[in-house]
Amino acid sequence: MTVFSIRERKKSKPVRGALARYQDRIVEVLGEARGQRVMIRSIHADGVERCTAVKWMNLIPLDSQLF
């Protein structure tokens, strides 16, 4: 992880519907949860879609190119 990506993440909360990277997967931001958390939707390695609350500072914005 680079210093630039840490600064970029701290700018603002992601908006609803935004795509981001969380750990090893691409996620969709569903909305704000309590405190500094947001709800995300992701598909896990077992193929099951899950909704999870995570700290928004742990989300990395996607670059302009997905693949």
C-alpha atoms as a PDB file:
ATOM      1  CA  MET A   1       0.000   0.000   0.000  1.00  0.00           C
ATOM      2  CA  THR A   2       1.369   3.376  -0.942  1.00  0.00           C
ATOM      3  CA  VAL A   3       1.250   6.632   0.982  1.00  0.00           C
ATOM      4  CA  PHE A   4      -0.756   8.170  -1.847  1.00  0.00           C
ATOM      5  CA  SER A   5      -3.584   5.644  -1.493  1.00  0.00           C
ATOM      6  CA  ILE A   6      -3.791   6.291   2.265  1.00  0.00           C
ATOM      7  CA  ARG A   7      -4.132  10.034   1.701  1.00  0.00           C
ATOM      8  CA  GLU A   8      -6.643   9.470  -1.077  1.00  0.00           C
ATOM      9  CA  ARG A   9      -8.792   7.272   1.165  1.00  0.00           C
ATOM     10  CA  LYS A  10      -8.930   9.856   3.953  1.00  0.00           C
ATOM     11  CA  LYS A  11     -10.438  12.561   1.741  1.00  0.00           C
ATOM     12  CA  SER A  12     -14.136  11.739   2.101  1.00  0.00           C
ATOM     13  CA  LYS A  13     -16.668   9.021   2.696  1.00  0.00           C
ATOM     14  CA  PRO A  14     -17.616   7.021  -0.385  1.00  0.00           C
ATOM     15  CA  VAL A  15     -20.993   7.832  -1.899  1.00  0.00           C
ATOM     16  CA  ARG A  16     -23.810   5.313  -2.171  1.00  0.00           C
ATOM     17  CA  GLY A  17     -23.404   3.052  -5.195  1.00  0.00           C
ATOM     18  CA  ALA A  18     -19.658   3.660  -5.503  1.00  0.00           C
ATOM     19  CA  LEU A  19     -17.352   0.751  -6.298  1.00  0.00           C
ATOM     20  CA  ALA A  20     -14.288   0.262  -4.111  1.00  0.00           C
ATOM     21  CA  ARG A  21     -11.712  -2.340  -3.176  1.00  0.00           C
ATOM     22  CA  TYR A  22     -11.942  -4.000   0.243  1.00  0.00           C
ATOM     23  CA  GLN A  23      -9.206  -6.529   1.003  1.00  0.00           C
ATOM     24  CA  ASP A  24      -9.126  -8.840  -2.047  1.00  0.00           C
ATOM     25  CA  ARG A  25     -12.530  -8.044  -3.563  1.00  0.00           C
ATOM     26  CA  ILE A  26     -14.440  -5.322  -5.365  1.00  0.00           C
ATOM     27  CA  VAL A  27     -17.415  -4.077  -3.351  1.00  0.00           C
ATOM     28  CA  GLU A  28     -20.407  -1.786  -3.808  1.00  0.00           C
ATOM     29  CA  VAL A  29     -21.132   0.834  -1.138  1.00  0.00           C
ATOM     30  CA  LEU A  30     -24.754   0.536  -0.004  1.00  0.00           C
ATOM     31  CA  GLY A  31     -24.882   3.419   2.458  1.00  0.00           C
ATOM     32  CA  GLU A  32     -23.748   4.788   5.772  1.00  0.00           C
ATOM     33  CA  ALA A  33     -23.843   2.695   8.946  1.00  0.00           C
ATOM     34  CA  ARG A  34     -23.023   3.762  12.494  1.00  0.00           C
ATOM     35  CA  GLY A  35     -20.034   5.930  13.289  1.00  0.00           C
ATOM     36  CA  GLN A  36     -17.280   5.693  10.711  1.00  0.00           C
ATOM     37  CA  ARG A  37     -18.700   2.622   8.995  1.00  0.00           C
ATOM     38  CA  VAL A  38     -20.455   1.979   5.715  1.00  0.00           C
ATOM     39  CA  MET A  39     -22.476  -0.996   4.512  1.00  0.00           C
ATOM     40  CA  ILE A  40     -20.957  -2.832   1.554  1.00  0.00           C
ATOM     41  CA  ARG A  41     -22.140  -5.641  -0.709  1.00  0.00           C
ATOM     42  CA  SER A  42     -19.617  -8.159  -1.966  1.00  0.00           C
ATOM     43  CA  ILE A  43     -19.382 -11.666  -3.348  1.00  0.00           C
ATOM     44  CA  HIS A  44     -17.107 -13.913  -1.317  1.00  0.00           C
ATOM     45  CA  ALA A  45     -14.896 -16.765  -2.518  1.00  0.00           C
ATOM     46  CA  ASP A  46     -17.685 -19.293  -1.874  1.00  0.00           C
ATOM     47  CA  GLY A  47     -19.945 -17.409  -4.328  1.00  0.00           C
ATOM     48  CA  VAL A  48     -22.341 -16.055  -1.694  1.00  0.00           C
ATOM     49  CA  GLU A  49     -23.303 -12.367  -1.752  1.00  0.00           C
ATOM     50  CA  ARG A  50     -22.981 -10.730   1.663  1.00  0.00           C
ATOM     51  CA  CYS A  51     -23.682  -7.333   3.171  1.00  0.00           C
ATOM     52  CA  THR A  52     -21.156  -6.179   5.746  1.00  0.00           C
ATOM     53  CA  ALA A  53     -20.431  -3.043   7.771  1.00  0.00           C
ATOM     54  CA  VAL A  54     -16.798  -1.923   7.433  1.00  0.00           C
ATOM     55  CA  LYS A  55     -14.857   1.213   8.319  1.00  0.00           C
ATOM     56  CA  TRP A  56     -14.864   3.512   5.310  1.00  0.00           C
ATOM     57  CA  MET A  57     -11.165   4.259   5.797  1.00  0.00           C
ATOM     58  CA  ASN A  58     -10.447   0.613   4.862  1.00  0.00           C
ATOM     59  CA  LEU A  59     -11.995   1.059   1.421  1.00  0.00           C
ATOM     60  CA  ILE A  60      -9.646   1.889  -1.435  1.00  0.00           C
ATOM     61  CA  PRO A  61     -11.142   3.841  -4.353  1.00  0.00           C
ATOM     62  CA  LEU A  62     -10.922   2.055  -7.689  1.00  0.00           C
ATOM     63  CA  ASP A  63      -8.751   3.386 -10.456  1.00  0.00           C
ATOM     64  CA  SER A  64     -10.372   4.409 -13.709  1.00  0.00           C
ATOM     65  CA  GLN A  65      -9.696   0.945 -15.127  1.00  0.00           C
ATOM     66  CA  LEU A  66     -11.201  -2.210 -13.557  1.00  0.00           C
ATOM     67  CA  PHE A  67      -9.296  -4.890 -15.465  1.00  0.00           C
END
